[in-house]
Amino acid sequence: MGKEKKEALDLIQKLPEEVTTDAIMEELYFKPQIDKGLQDVAERRVISHQELKNRIARWRKSAGP
């Protein structure tokens, strides 16, 4: 069995018995997003909170009134 399939099955097994299909799908989508974010942090592909605020301010200013 492939690694990703095993991880997905393990994640599903940990969910409550009365879980909905929608909740399963949300969990299966959420985990890779978290893993990617953690990988970005590990590889220092991040910006500071202040830099984010600066970028948003520039974006809002360029978007007009």
C-alpha atoms as a PDB file:
ATOM      1  CA  MET A   1       0.000   0.000   0.000  1.00  0.00           C
ATOM      2  CA  GLY A   2       1.272   3.464  -0.863  1.00  0.00           C
ATOM      3  CA  LYS A   3       2.326   5.891   1.853  1.00  0.00           C
ATOM      4  CA  GLU A   4      -0.362   8.474   1.073  1.00  0.00           C
ATOM      5  CA  LYS A   5      -3.126   5.878   1.014  1.00  0.00           C
ATOM      6  CA  LYS A   6      -1.966   4.465   4.348  1.00  0.00           C
ATOM      7  CA  GLU A   7      -1.871   7.964   5.882  1.00  0.00           C
ATOM      8  CA  ALA A   8      -5.395   8.657   4.586  1.00  0.00           C
ATOM      9  CA  LEU A   9      -6.729   5.397   6.003  1.00  0.00           C
ATOM     10  CA  ASP A  10      -5.008   6.036   9.348  1.00  0.00           C
ATOM     11  CA  LEU A  11      -6.540   9.505   9.502  1.00  0.00           C
ATOM     12  CA  ILE A  12     -10.011   8.147   8.719  1.00  0.00           C
ATOM     13  CA  GLN A  13      -9.643   5.415  11.359  1.00  0.00           C
ATOM     14  CA  LYS A  14      -8.986   8.081  14.016  1.00  0.00           C
ATOM     15  CA  LEU A  15     -12.241   9.905  13.259  1.00  0.00           C
ATOM     16  CA  PRO A  16     -15.389   9.176  15.292  1.00  0.00           C
ATOM     17  CA  GLU A  17     -17.695   6.408  14.056  1.00  0.00           C
ATOM     18  CA  GLU A  18     -20.519   8.858  13.318  1.00  0.00           C
ATOM     19  CA  VAL A  19     -18.366  11.038  11.038  1.00  0.00           C
ATOM     20  CA  THR A  20     -19.939  12.406   7.859  1.00  0.00           C
ATOM     21  CA  THR A  21     -18.509  12.088   4.380  1.00  0.00           C
ATOM     22  CA  ASP A  22     -18.124  15.868   4.290  1.00  0.00           C
ATOM     23  CA  ALA A  23     -16.075  15.798   7.505  1.00  0.00           C
ATOM     24  CA  ILE A  24     -13.869  13.031   6.102  1.00  0.00           C
ATOM     25  CA  MET A  25     -13.268  15.045   2.940  1.00  0.00           C
ATOM     26  CA  GLU A  26     -12.430  18.141   4.998  1.00  0.00           C
ATOM     27  CA  GLU A  27      -9.873  16.205   7.035  1.00  0.00           C
ATOM     28  CA  LEU A  28      -8.324  14.662   3.929  1.00  0.00           C
ATOM     29  CA  TYR A  29      -7.964  18.141   2.416  1.00  0.00           C
ATOM     30  CA  PHE A  30      -6.781  19.819   5.632  1.00  0.00           C
ATOM     31  CA  LYS A  31      -3.890  17.487   6.516  1.00  0.00           C
ATOM     32  CA  PRO A  32      -1.840  18.003   3.328  1.00  0.00           C
ATOM     33  CA  GLN A  33      -2.293  21.758   3.686  1.00  0.00           C
ATOM     34  CA  ILE A  34      -0.853  21.624   7.202  1.00  0.00           C
ATOM     35  CA  ASP A  35       1.981  19.367   6.052  1.00  0.00           C
ATOM     36  CA  LYS A  36       2.824  21.823   3.254  1.00  0.00           C
ATOM     37  CA  GLY A  37       2.818  24.737   5.692  1.00  0.00           C
ATOM     38  CA  LEU A  38       5.128  22.903   8.061  1.00  0.00           C
ATOM     39  CA  GLN A  39       7.442  22.073   5.155  1.00  0.00           C
ATOM     40  CA  ASP A  40       7.487  25.754   4.152  1.00  0.00           C
ATOM     41  CA  VAL A  41       8.478  26.698   7.700  1.00  0.00           C
ATOM     42  CA  ALA A  42      11.189  24.031   7.786  1.00  0.00           C
ATOM     43  CA  GLU A  43      12.586  25.338   4.503  1.00  0.00           C
ATOM     44  CA  ARG A  44      12.274  28.949   5.680  1.00  0.00           C
ATOM     45  CA  ARG A  45       9.787  29.926   2.962  1.00  0.00           C
ATOM     46  CA  VAL A  46       7.963  32.335   5.247  1.00  0.00           C
ATOM     47  CA  ILE A  47       7.499  36.069   5.688  1.00  0.00           C
ATOM     48  CA  SER A  48       7.097  38.060   8.873  1.00  0.00           C
ATOM     49  CA  HIS A  49       3.781  39.301  10.159  1.00  0.00           C
ATOM     50  CA  GLN A  50       4.908  42.874   9.483  1.00  0.00           C
ATOM     51  CA  GLU A  51       5.827  42.043   5.876  1.00  0.00           C
ATOM     52  CA  LEU A  52       2.394  40.509   5.378  1.00  0.00           C
ATOM     53  CA  LYS A  53       0.757  43.656   6.763  1.00  0.00           C
ATOM     54  CA  ASN A  54       2.875  45.787   4.401  1.00  0.00           C
ATOM     55  CA  ARG A  55       1.902  43.686   1.400  1.00  0.00           C
ATOM     56  CA  ILE A  56      -1.788  43.856   2.282  1.00  0.00           C
ATOM     57  CA  ALA A  57      -1.572  47.636   2.734  1.00  0.00           C
ATOM     58  CA  ARG A  58       0.093  48.015  -0.701  1.00  0.00           C
ATOM     59  CA  TRP A  59      -2.486  45.713  -2.267  1.00  0.00           C
ATOM     60  CA  ARG A  60      -5.386  47.640  -0.735  1.00  0.00           C
ATOM     61  CA  LYS A  61      -3.889  50.953  -1.845  1.00  0.00           C
ATOM     62  CA  SER A  62      -3.434  49.714  -5.424  1.00  0.00           C
ATOM     63  CA  ALA A  63      -6.985  48.317  -5.505  1.00  0.00           C
ATOM     64  CA  GLY A  64      -8.456  51.808  -5.272  1.00  0.00           C
ATOM     65  CA  PRO A  65     -11.113  53.334  -3.044  1.00  0.00           C
END
